[in-house]
């Protein structure tokens, strides 16, 4: 099976609207936001909408804080989108996993 790979760097702005409630006084990027960034970047990279059918596997290892940069590594293997998010400076793994895709647009 052939696979396609793509990497990109992104940051979490200190004024992102999800931060005030997650967690006050010590904000971190919500996991759902990180997954949304992965899917949006994959759609831009692949130049097509993706239908995520289920989260096949995900593990959040360390937080991404406001002002920090992360590097995302994406690999498309058939209908499986694998991802790994790492701290852009230290290389610490922040999250990894895979999303099962299906045909058609997301519901």
PDB file of N, CA and C in Angstrom:
ATOM      1  N   UNK A   1       0.844  -1.173   0.000  1.00  0.00           N
ATOM      2  CA  UNK A   1       0.000   0.000   0.000  1.00  0.00           C
ATOM      3  C   UNK A   1       0.888   1.235   0.000  1.00  0.00           C
ATOM      4  N   UNK A   2       0.615   2.187  -0.868  1.00  0.00           N
ATOM      5  CA  UNK A   2       1.399   3.416  -0.900  1.00  0.00           C
ATOM      6  C   UNK A   2       0.821   4.400   0.108  1.00  0.00           C
ATOM      7  N   UNK A   3       1.659   5.327   0.528  1.00  0.00           N
ATOM      8  CA  UNK A   3       1.201   6.346   1.464  1.00  0.00           C
ATOM      9  C   UNK A   3       1.723   7.703   1.011  1.00  0.00           C
ATOM     10  N   UNK A   4       1.038   8.724   1.431  1.00  0.00           N
ATOM     11  CA  UNK A   4       1.424  10.101   1.174  1.00  0.00           C
ATOM     12  C   UNK A   4       1.766  10.727   2.507  1.00  0.00           C
ATOM     13  N   UNK A   5       2.792  11.598   2.519  1.00  0.00           N
ATOM     14  CA  UNK A   5       3.201  12.243   3.760  1.00  0.00           C
ATOM     15  C   UNK A   5       3.285  13.751   3.591  1.00  0.00           C
ATOM     16  N   UNK A   6       3.013  14.452   4.694  1.00  0.00           N
ATOM     17  CA  UNK A   6       3.026  15.917   4.692  1.00  0.00           C
ATOM     18  C   UNK A   6       3.335  16.388   6.114  1.00  0.00           C
ATOM     19  N   UNK A   7       4.090  17.472   6.236  1.00  0.00           N
ATOM     20  CA  UNK A   7       4.377  18.075   7.541  1.00  0.00           C
ATOM     21  C   UNK A   7       4.125  19.577   7.470  1.00  0.00           C
ATOM     22  N   UNK A   8       3.751  20.166   8.590  1.00  0.00           N
ATOM     23  CA  UNK A   8       3.560  21.612   8.667  1.00  0.00           C
ATOM     24  C   UNK A   8       3.730  22.048  10.115  1.00  0.00           C
ATOM     25  N   UNK A   9       4.027  23.313  10.300  1.00  0.00           N
ATOM     26  CA  UNK A   9       4.197  23.887  11.631  1.00  0.00           C
ATOM     27  C   UNK A   9       3.063  24.867  11.882  1.00  0.00           C
ATOM     28  N   UNK A  10       2.570  24.877  13.106  1.00  0.00           N
ATOM     29  CA  UNK A  10       1.481  25.780  13.468  1.00  0.00           C
ATOM     30  C   UNK A  10       1.681  26.246  14.901  1.00  0.00           C
ATOM     31  N   UNK A  11       0.967  27.290  15.253  1.00  0.00           N
ATOM     32  CA  UNK A  11       1.035  27.822  16.604  1.00  0.00           C
ATOM     33  C   UNK A  11      -0.353  28.033  17.169  1.00  0.00           C
ATOM     34  N   UNK A  12      -0.402  28.224  18.455  1.00  0.00           N
ATOM     35  CA  UNK A  12      -1.657  28.503  19.142  1.00  0.00           C
ATOM     36  C   UNK A  12      -1.592  29.941  19.648  1.00  0.00           C
ATOM     37  N   UNK A  13      -2.339  30.860  19.011  1.00  0.00           N
ATOM     38  CA  UNK A  13      -2.297  32.251  19.452  1.00  0.00           C
ATOM     39  C   UNK A  13      -2.851  32.404  20.876  1.00  0.00           C
ATOM     40  N   UNK A  14      -2.276  33.302  21.618  1.00  0.00           N
ATOM     41  CA  UNK A  14      -2.683  33.518  23.011  1.00  0.00           C
ATOM     42  C   UNK A  14      -4.128  33.982  23.134  1.00  0.00           C
ATOM     43  N   UNK A  15      -4.687  34.542  22.059  1.00  0.00           N
ATOM     44  CA  UNK A  15      -6.061  35.039  22.121  1.00  0.00           C
ATOM     45  C   UNK A  15      -7.067  34.084  21.471  1.00  0.00           C
ATOM     46  N   UNK A  16      -6.686  32.821  21.274  1.00  0.00           N
ATOM     47  CA  UNK A  16      -7.618  31.871  20.665  1.00  0.00           C
ATOM     48  C   UNK A  16      -8.861  31.745  21.545  1.00  0.00           C
ATOM     49  N   UNK A  17     -10.063  31.758  20.943  1.00  0.00           N
ATOM     50  CA  UNK A  17     -11.301  31.765  21.736  1.00  0.00           C
ATOM     51  C   UNK A  17     -11.526  30.522  22.604  1.00  0.00           C
ATOM     52  N   UNK A  18     -10.838  29.417  22.358  1.00  0.00           N
ATOM     53  CA  UNK A  18     -11.040  28.220  23.176  1.00  0.00           C
ATOM     54  C   UNK A  18     -10.273  28.268  24.498  1.00  0.00           C
ATOM     55  N   UNK A  19      -9.333  29.178  24.621  1.00  0.00           N
ATOM     56  CA  UNK A  19      -8.443  29.152  25.780  1.00  0.00           C
ATOM     57  C   UNK A  19      -9.041  29.616  27.108  1.00  0.00           C
ATOM     58  N   UNK A  20      -9.883  30.642  27.142  1.00  0.00           N
ATOM     59  CA  UNK A  20     -10.367  31.096  28.454  1.00  0.00           C
ATOM     60  C   UNK A  20     -11.031  30.005  29.295  1.00  0.00           C
ATOM     61  N   UNK A  21     -11.670  29.040  28.690  1.00  0.00           N
ATOM     62  CA  UNK A  21     -12.330  28.003  29.471  1.00  0.00           C
ATOM     63  C   UNK A  21     -11.550  26.713  29.573  1.00  0.00           C
ATOM     64  N   UNK A  22     -10.320  26.698  29.056  1.00  0.00           N
ATOM     65  CA  UNK A  22      -9.589  25.416  28.981  1.00  0.00           C
ATOM     66  C   UNK A  22      -8.119  25.593  29.327  1.00  0.00           C
ATOM     67  N   UNK A  23      -7.658  25.808  30.352  1.00  0.00           N
ATOM     68  CA  UNK A  23      -8.142  25.899  31.710  1.00  0.00           C
ATOM     69  C   UNK A  23      -7.764  27.271  32.258  1.00  0.00           C
ATOM     70  N   UNK A  24      -8.669  27.956  32.934  1.00  0.00           N
ATOM     71  CA  UNK A  24      -8.377  29.302  33.429  1.00  0.00           C
ATOM     72  C   UNK A  24      -7.117  29.319  34.287  1.00  0.00           C
ATOM     73  N   UNK A  25      -6.238  30.259  33.964  1.00  0.00           N
ATOM     74  CA  UNK A  25      -4.996  30.398  34.712  1.00  0.00           C
ATOM     75  C   UNK A  25      -3.851  29.551  34.185  1.00  0.00           C
ATOM     76  N   UNK A  26      -4.136  28.486  33.464  1.00  0.00           N
ATOM     77  CA  UNK A  26      -3.105  27.612  32.894  1.00  0.00           C
ATOM     78  C   UNK A  26      -3.632  27.031  31.579  1.00  0.00           C
ATOM     79  N   UNK A  27      -3.865  27.891  30.579  1.00  0.00           N
ATOM     80  CA  UNK A  27      -4.528  27.444  29.353  1.00  0.00           C
ATOM     81  C   UNK A  27      -3.690  26.460  28.525  1.00  0.00           C
ATOM     82  N   UNK A  28      -4.387  25.512  27.917  1.00  0.00           N
ATOM     83  CA  UNK A  28      -3.788  24.552  26.985  1.00  0.00           C
ATOM     84  C   UNK A  28      -4.765  24.374  25.821  1.00  0.00           C
ATOM     85  N   UNK A  29      -4.245  23.942  24.695  1.00  0.00           N
ATOM     86  CA  UNK A  29      -5.103  23.694  23.528  1.00  0.00           C
ATOM     87  C   UNK A  29      -5.994  22.496  23.807  1.00  0.00           C
ATOM     88  N   UNK A  30      -7.303  22.637  23.622  1.00  0.00           N
ATOM     89  CA  UNK A  30      -8.194  21.484  23.772  1.00  0.00           C
ATOM     90  C   UNK A  30      -7.872  20.420  22.715  1.00  0.00           C
ATOM     91  N   UNK A  31      -8.002  19.164  23.088  1.00  0.00           N
ATOM     92  CA  UNK A  31      -7.726  18.067  22.165  1.00  0.00           C
ATOM     93  C   UNK A  31      -8.556  18.150  20.903  1.00  0.00           C
ATOM     94  N   UNK A  32      -9.819  18.543  21.029  1.00  0.00           N
ATOM     95  CA  UNK A  32     -10.684  18.636  19.850  1.00  0.00           C
ATOM     96  C   UNK A  32     -10.174  19.697  18.885  1.00  0.00           C
ATOM     97  N   UNK A  33      -9.570  20.760  19.402  1.00  0.00           N
ATOM     98  CA  UNK A  33      -8.989  21.792  18.542  1.00  0.00           C
ATOM     99  C   UNK A  33      -7.797  21.224  17.759  1.00  0.00           C
ATOM    100  N   UNK A  34      -6.956  20.450  18.425  1.00  0.00           N
ATOM    101  CA  UNK A  34      -5.819  19.840  17.739  1.00  0.00           C
ATOM    102  C   UNK A  34      -6.284  18.897  16.630  1.00  0.00           C
ATOM    103  N   UNK A  35      -7.309  18.111  16.901  1.00  0.00           N
ATOM    104  CA  UNK A  35      -7.853  17.210  15.874  1.00  0.00           C
ATOM    105  C   UNK A  35      -8.450  17.999  14.713  1.00  0.00           C
ATOM    106  N   UNK A  36      -9.124  19.087  15.010  1.00  0.00           N
ATOM    107  CA  UNK A  36      -9.690  19.934  13.960  1.00  0.00           C
ATOM    108  C   UNK A  36      -8.579  20.519  13.079  1.00  0.00           C
ATOM    109  N   UNK A  37      -7.477  20.934  13.692  1.00  0.00           N
ATOM    110  CA  UNK A  37      -6.346  21.457  12.927  1.00  0.00           C
ATOM    111  C   UNK A  37      -5.750  20.390  12.019  1.00  0.00           C
ATOM    112  N   UNK A  38      -5.652  19.170  12.515  1.00  0.00           N
ATOM    113  CA  UNK A  38      -5.124  18.059  11.714  1.00  0.00           C
ATOM    114  C   UNK A  38      -6.012  17.830  10.483  1.00  0.00           C
ATOM    115  N   UNK A  39      -7.310  17.761  10.694  1.00  0.00           N
ATOM    116  CA  UNK A  39      -8.239  17.500   9.579  1.00  0.00           C
ATOM    117  C   UNK A  39      -8.219  18.659   8.589  1.00  0.00           C
ATOM    118  N   UNK A  40      -8.270  19.889   9.075  1.00  0.00           N
ATOM    119  CA  UNK A  40      -8.258  21.055   8.180  1.00  0.00           C
ATOM    120  C   UNK A  40      -6.983  21.107   7.352  1.00  0.00           C
ATOM    121  N   UNK A  41      -5.849  20.848   7.979  1.00  0.00           N
ATOM    122  CA  UNK A  41      -4.580  20.856   7.252  1.00  0.00           C
ATOM    123  C   UNK A  41      -4.521  19.728   6.229  1.00  0.00           C
ATOM    124  N   UNK A  42      -5.048  18.569   6.586  1.00  0.00           N
ATOM    125  CA  UNK A  42      -5.063  17.442   5.654  1.00  0.00           C
ATOM    126  C   UNK A  42      -5.953  17.751   4.451  1.00  0.00           C
ATOM    127  N   UNK A  43      -7.085  18.404   4.683  1.00  0.00           N
ATOM    128  CA  UNK A  43      -7.963  18.772   3.574  1.00  0.00           C
ATOM    129  C   UNK A  43      -7.272  19.761   2.637  1.00  0.00           C
ATOM    130  N   UNK A  44      -6.558  20.717   3.209  1.00  0.00           N
ATOM    131  CA  UNK A  44      -5.831  21.688   2.392  1.00  0.00           C
ATOM    132  C   UNK A  44      -4.711  20.986   1.611  1.00  0.00           C
ATOM    133  N   UNK A  45      -3.964  20.122   2.276  1.00  0.00           N
ATOM    134  CA  UNK A  45      -2.871  19.381   1.643  1.00  0.00           C
ATOM    135  C   UNK A  45      -3.379  18.496   0.511  1.00  0.00           C
ATOM    136  N   UNK A  46      -4.448  17.749   0.760  1.00  0.00           N
ATOM    137  CA  UNK A  46      -4.976  16.803  -0.228  1.00  0.00           C
ATOM    138  C   UNK A  46      -5.912  17.457  -1.247  1.00  0.00           C
ATOM    139  N   UNK A  47      -6.252  18.727  -0.982  1.00  0.00           N
ATOM    140  CA  UNK A  47      -7.116  19.509  -1.869  1.00  0.00           C
ATOM    141  C   UNK A  47      -8.484  18.861  -2.085  1.00  0.00           C
ATOM    142  N   UNK A  48      -9.045  18.350  -0.965  1.00  0.00           N
ATOM    143  CA  UNK A  48     -10.387  17.771  -1.024  1.00  0.00           C
ATOM    144  C   UNK A  48     -10.944  17.680   0.395  1.00  0.00           C
ATOM    145  N   UNK A  49     -12.275  17.704   0.511  1.00  0.00           N
ATOM    146  CA  UNK A  49     -12.864  17.521   1.844  1.00  0.00           C
ATOM    147  C   UNK A  49     -12.696  16.072   2.306  1.00  0.00           C
ATOM    148  N   UNK A  50     -12.534  15.909   3.590  1.00  0.00           N
ATOM    149  CA  UNK A  50     -12.393  14.571   4.172  1.00  0.00           C
ATOM    150  C   UNK A  50     -13.599  14.264   5.038  1.00  0.00           C
ATOM    151  N   UNK A  51     -14.025  13.037   5.017  1.00  0.00           N
ATOM    152  CA  UNK A  51     -15.108  12.567   5.874  1.00  0.00           C
ATOM    153  C   UNK A  51     -14.478  11.695   6.956  1.00  0.00           C
ATOM    154  N   UNK A  52     -14.369  12.240   8.163  1.00  0.00           N
ATOM    155  CA  UNK A  52     -13.830  11.462   9.279  1.00  0.00           C
ATOM    156  C   UNK A  52     -14.963  10.605   9.824  1.00  0.00           C
ATOM    157  N   UNK A  53     -14.812   9.303   9.730  1.00  0.00           N
ATOM    158  CA  UNK A  53     -15.852   8.378  10.179  1.00  0.00           C
ATOM    159  C   UNK A  53     -15.709   8.026  11.651  1.00  0.00           C
ATOM    160  N   UNK A  54     -14.449   7.962  12.119  1.00  0.00           N
ATOM    161  CA  UNK A  54     -14.246   7.694  13.543  1.00  0.00           C
ATOM    162  C   UNK A  54     -12.796   7.987  13.901  1.00  0.00           C
ATOM    163  N   UNK A  55     -12.576   8.211  15.169  1.00  0.00           N
ATOM    164  CA  UNK A  55     -11.217   8.328  15.690  1.00  0.00           C
ATOM    165  C   UNK A  55     -10.754   6.905  15.951  1.00  0.00           C
ATOM    166  N   UNK A  56      -9.858   6.414  15.121  1.00  0.00           N
ATOM    167  CA  UNK A  56      -9.386   5.039  15.270  1.00  0.00           C
ATOM    168  C   UNK A  56      -8.535   4.902  16.523  1.00  0.00           C
ATOM    169  N   UNK A  57      -7.718   5.923  16.784  1.00  0.00           N
ATOM    170  CA  UNK A  57      -6.846   5.907  17.964  1.00  0.00           C
ATOM    171  C   UNK A  57      -6.328   7.322  18.162  1.00  0.00           C
ATOM    172  N   UNK A  58      -6.255   7.767  19.402  1.00  0.00           N
ATOM    173  CA  UNK A  58      -5.626   9.052  19.705  1.00  0.00           C
ATOM    174  C   UNK A  58      -5.073   9.010  21.124  1.00  0.00           C
ATOM    175  N   UNK A  59      -3.921   9.629  21.297  1.00  0.00           N
ATOM    176  CA  UNK A  59      -3.295   9.725  22.618  1.00  0.00           C
ATOM    177  C   UNK A  59      -2.714  11.123  22.741  1.00  0.00           C
ATOM    178  N   UNK A  60      -3.094  11.824  23.796  1.00  0.00           N
ATOM    179  CA  UNK A  60      -2.546  13.141  24.076  1.00  0.00           C
ATOM    180  C   UNK A  60      -1.462  12.961  25.142  1.00  0.00           C
ATOM    181  N   UNK A  61      -0.233  13.264  24.773  1.00  0.00           N
ATOM    182  CA  UNK A  61       0.919  13.010  25.645  1.00  0.00           C
ATOM    183  C   UNK A  61       1.323  14.218  26.476  1.00  0.00           C
ATOM    184  N   UNK A  62       1.252  15.410  25.874  1.00  0.00           N
ATOM    185  CA  UNK A  62       1.705  16.629  26.549  1.00  0.00           C
ATOM    186  C   UNK A  62       0.887  17.795  26.003  1.00  0.00           C
ATOM    187  N   UNK A  63       0.748  18.868  26.780  1.00  0.00           N
ATOM    188  CA  UNK A  63      -0.085  19.989  26.331  1.00  0.00           C
ATOM    189  C   UNK A  63       0.635  20.918  25.350  1.00  0.00           C
ATOM    190  N   UNK A  64      -0.167  21.571  24.521  1.00  0.00           N
ATOM    191  CA  UNK A  64       0.308  22.674  23.698  1.00  0.00           C
ATOM    192  C   UNK A  64      -0.242  23.937  24.338  1.00  0.00           C
ATOM    193  N   UNK A  65       0.645  24.836  24.697  1.00  0.00           N
ATOM    194  CA  UNK A  65       0.261  26.058  25.398  1.00  0.00           C
ATOM    195  C   UNK A  65       0.264  27.248  24.434  1.00  0.00           C
ATOM    196  N   UNK A  66      -0.446  28.320  24.809  1.00  0.00           N
ATOM    197  CA  UNK A  66      -0.477  29.519  23.962  1.00  0.00           C
ATOM    198  C   UNK A  66       0.934  30.026  23.680  1.00  0.00           C
ATOM    199  N   UNK A  67       1.154  30.421  22.431  1.00  0.00           N
ATOM    200  CA  UNK A  67       2.447  30.957  22.029  1.00  0.00           C
ATOM    201  C   UNK A  67       3.468  29.905  21.619  1.00  0.00           C
ATOM    202  N   UNK A  68       3.178  28.638  21.855  1.00  0.00           N
ATOM    203  CA  UNK A  68       4.104  27.574  21.464  1.00  0.00           C
ATOM    204  C   UNK A  68       3.842  27.145  20.021  1.00  0.00           C
ATOM    205  N   UNK A  69       4.871  26.636  19.386  1.00  0.00           N
ATOM    206  CA  UNK A  69       4.785  26.129  18.023  1.00  0.00           C
ATOM    207  C   UNK A  69       4.831  24.605  18.050  1.00  0.00           C
ATOM    208  N   UNK A  70       4.108  23.994  17.142  1.00  0.00           N
ATOM    209  CA  UNK A  70       4.106  22.535  17.018  1.00  0.00           C
ATOM    210  C   UNK A  70       4.282  22.162  15.554  1.00  0.00           C
ATOM    211  N   UNK A  71       4.845  20.997  15.320  1.00  0.00           N
ATOM    212  CA  UNK A  71       4.971  20.457  13.975  1.00  0.00           C
ATOM    213  C   UNK A  71       4.066  19.245  13.875  1.00  0.00           C
ATOM    214  N   UNK A  72       3.270  19.214  12.820  1.00  0.00           N
ATOM    215  CA  UNK A  72       2.368  18.088  12.573  1.00  0.00           C
ATOM    216  C   UNK A  72       2.925  17.267  11.423  1.00  0.00           C
ATOM    217  N   UNK A  73       2.944  15.973  11.619  1.00  0.00           N
ATOM    218  CA  UNK A  73       3.367  15.028  10.590  1.00  0.00           C
ATOM    219  C   UNK A  73       2.146  14.186  10.245  1.00  0.00           C
ATOM    220  N   UNK A  74       1.732  14.243   8.984  1.00  0.00           N
ATOM    221  CA  UNK A  74       0.550  13.518   8.525  1.00  0.00           C
ATOM    222  C   UNK A  74       0.978  12.444   7.530  1.00  0.00           C
ATOM    223  N   UNK A  75       0.295  11.320   7.587  1.00  0.00           N
ATOM    224  CA  UNK A  75       0.536  10.247   6.614  1.00  0.00           C
ATOM    225  C   UNK A  75      -0.816   9.630   6.258  1.00  0.00           C
ATOM    226  N   UNK A  76      -1.122   9.655   4.979  1.00  0.00           N
ATOM    227  CA  UNK A  76      -2.359   9.054   4.499  1.00  0.00           C
ATOM    228  C   UNK A  76      -2.041   7.664   3.986  1.00  0.00           C
ATOM    229  N   UNK A  77      -2.697   6.666   4.579  1.00  0.00           N
ATOM    230  CA  UNK A  77      -2.535   5.264   4.183  1.00  0.00           C
ATOM    231  C   UNK A  77      -3.918   4.731   3.823  1.00  0.00           C
ATOM    232  N   UNK A  78      -4.258   4.808   2.559  1.00  0.00           N
ATOM    233  CA  UNK A  78      -5.595   4.383   2.141  1.00  0.00           C
ATOM    234  C   UNK A  78      -6.644   5.257   2.788  1.00  0.00           C
ATOM    235  N   UNK A  79      -7.493   4.665   3.603  1.00  0.00           N
ATOM    236  CA  UNK A  79      -8.563   5.398   4.288  1.00  0.00           C
ATOM    237  C   UNK A  79      -8.203   5.717   5.741  1.00  0.00           C
ATOM    238  N   UNK A  80      -6.912   5.697   6.056  1.00  0.00           N
ATOM    239  CA  UNK A  80      -6.454   5.991   7.415  1.00  0.00           C
ATOM    240  C   UNK A  80      -5.503   7.181   7.377  1.00  0.00           C
ATOM    241  N   UNK A  81      -5.829   8.222   8.147  1.00  0.00           N
ATOM    242  CA  UNK A  81      -4.974   9.384   8.278  1.00  0.00           C
ATOM    243  C   UNK A  81      -4.251   9.280   9.616  1.00  0.00           C
ATOM    244  N   UNK A  82      -2.954   9.023   9.568  1.00  0.00           N
ATOM    245  CA  UNK A  82      -2.136   8.959  10.783  1.00  0.00           C
ATOM    246  C   UNK A  82      -1.519  10.332  11.027  1.00  0.00           C
ATOM    247  N   UNK A  83      -1.377  10.694  12.307  1.00  0.00           N
ATOM    248  CA  UNK A  83      -0.791  11.993  12.635  1.00  0.00           C
ATOM    249  C   UNK A  83       0.085  11.893  13.880  1.00  0.00           C
ATOM    250  N   UNK A  84       1.056  12.785  13.947  1.00  0.00           N
ATOM    251  CA  UNK A  84       1.905  12.949  15.125  1.00  0.00           C
ATOM    252  C   UNK A  84       2.167  14.439  15.275  1.00  0.00           C
ATOM    253  N   UNK A  85       1.872  14.998  16.422  1.00  0.00           N
ATOM    254  CA  UNK A  85       2.122  16.396  16.721  1.00  0.00           C
ATOM    255  C   UNK A  85       3.275  16.469  17.705  1.00  0.00           C
ATOM    256  N   UNK A  86       4.263  17.307  17.387  1.00  0.00           N
ATOM    257  CA  UNK A  86       5.441  17.436  18.242  1.00  0.00           C
ATOM    258  C   UNK A  86       5.717  18.897  18.538  1.00  0.00           C
ATOM    259  N   UNK A  87       6.266  19.150  19.720  1.00  0.00           N
ATOM    260  CA  UNK A  87       6.747  20.481  20.058  1.00  0.00           C
ATOM    261  C   UNK A  87       7.807  20.851  19.022  1.00  0.00           C
ATOM    262  N   UNK A  88       7.664  22.013  18.391  1.00  0.00           N
ATOM    263  CA  UNK A  88       8.560  22.389  17.293  1.00  0.00           C
ATOM    264  C   UNK A  88       9.998  22.607  17.753  1.00  0.00           C
ATOM    265  N   UNK A  89      10.206  22.985  19.010  1.00  0.00           N
ATOM    266  CA  UNK A  89      11.575  23.221  19.480  1.00  0.00           C
ATOM    267  C   UNK A  89      12.183  21.993  20.137  1.00  0.00           C
ATOM    268  N   UNK A  90      11.472  21.394  21.049  1.00  0.00           N
ATOM    269  CA  UNK A  90      12.039  20.288  21.839  1.00  0.00           C
ATOM    270  C   UNK A  90      11.825  18.921  21.188  1.00  0.00           C
ATOM    271  N   UNK A  91      10.846  18.831  20.285  1.00  0.00           N
ATOM    272  CA  UNK A  91      10.563  17.547  19.650  1.00  0.00           C
ATOM    273  C   UNK A  91       9.709  16.612  20.488  1.00  0.00           C
ATOM    274  N   UNK A  92       9.248  17.064  21.635  1.00  0.00           N
ATOM    275  CA  UNK A  92       8.383  16.263  22.493  1.00  0.00           C
ATOM    276  C   UNK A  92       7.088  15.927  21.761  1.00  0.00           C
ATOM    277  N   UNK A  93       6.668  14.674  21.826  1.00  0.00           N
ATOM    278  CA  UNK A  93       5.404  14.288  21.190  1.00  0.00           C
ATOM    279  C   UNK A  93       4.256  14.832  22.037  1.00  0.00           C
ATOM    280  N   UNK A  94       3.386  15.610  21.403  1.00  0.00           N
ATOM    281  CA  UNK A  94       2.216  16.178  22.068  1.00  0.00           C
ATOM    282  C   UNK A  94       1.002  15.273  21.920  1.00  0.00           C
ATOM    283  N   UNK A  95       0.840  14.708  20.726  1.00  0.00           N
ATOM    284  CA  UNK A  95      -0.303  13.833  20.454  1.00  0.00           C
ATOM    285  C   UNK A  95       0.012  12.985  19.228  1.00  0.00           C
ATOM    286  N   UNK A  96      -0.616  11.824  19.161  1.00  0.00           N
ATOM    287  CA  UNK A  96      -0.514  10.995  17.966  1.00  0.00           C
ATOM    288  C   UNK A  96      -1.744  10.128  17.871  1.00  0.00           C
ATOM    289  N   UNK A  97      -1.954   9.605  16.669  1.00  0.00           N
ATOM    290  CA  UNK A  97      -3.114   8.753  16.486  1.00  0.00           C
ATOM    291  C   UNK A  97      -3.454   8.580  15.030  1.00  0.00           C
ATOM    292  N   UNK A  98      -4.691   8.140  14.793  1.00  0.00           N
ATOM    293  CA  UNK A  98      -5.158   7.925  13.428  1.00  0.00           C
ATOM    294  C   UNK A  98      -6.664   8.137  13.360  1.00  0.00           C
ATOM    295  N   UNK A  99      -7.084   8.631  12.206  1.00  0.00           N
ATOM    296  CA  UNK A  99      -8.488   8.899  11.940  1.00  0.00           C
ATOM    297  C   UNK A  99      -8.929   8.050  10.769  1.00  0.00           C
ATOM    298  N   UNK A 100     -10.032   7.328  10.941  1.00  0.00           N
ATOM    299  CA  UNK A 100     -10.577   6.505   9.854  1.00  0.00           C
ATOM    300  C   UNK A 100     -11.441   7.399   8.976  1.00  0.00           C
ATOM    301  N   UNK A 101     -11.136   7.399   7.688  1.00  0.00           N
ATOM    302  CA  UNK A 101     -11.842   8.219   6.730  1.00  0.00           C
ATOM    303  C   UNK A 101     -12.811   7.377   5.923  1.00  0.00           C
ATOM    304  N   UNK A 102     -13.768   8.035   5.330  1.00  0.00           N
ATOM    305  CA  UNK A 102     -14.709   7.360   4.449  1.00  0.00           C
ATOM    306  C   UNK A 102     -14.927   8.193   3.213  1.00  0.00           C
ATOM    307  N   UNK A 103     -15.673   7.691   2.275  1.00  0.00           N
ATOM    308  CA  UNK A 103     -15.927   8.435   1.059  1.00  0.00           C
ATOM    309  C   UNK A 103     -17.069   9.409   1.276  1.00  0.00           C
ATOM    310  N   UNK A 104     -17.108  10.446   0.461  1.00  0.00           N
ATOM    311  CA  UNK A 104     -18.157  11.450   0.576  1.00  0.00           C
ATOM    312  C   UNK A 104     -17.799  12.507   1.595  1.00  0.00           C
ATOM    313  N   UNK A 105     -18.642  13.473   1.762  1.00  0.00           N
ATOM    314  CA  UNK A 105     -18.386  14.563   2.700  1.00  0.00           C
ATOM    315  C   UNK A 105     -18.791  14.131   4.099  1.00  0.00           C
ATOM    316  N   UNK A 106     -18.199  14.805   5.070  1.00  0.00           N
ATOM    317  CA  UNK A 106     -18.513  14.493   6.472  1.00  0.00           C
ATOM    318  C   UNK A 106     -19.960  14.868   6.760  1.00  0.00           C
ATOM    319  N   UNK A 107     -20.580  14.089   7.626  1.00  0.00           N
ATOM    320  CA  UNK A 107     -21.978  14.349   7.979  1.00  0.00           C
ATOM    321  C   UNK A 107     -22.072  15.396   9.052  1.00  0.00           C
TER     322      UNK A 107
END
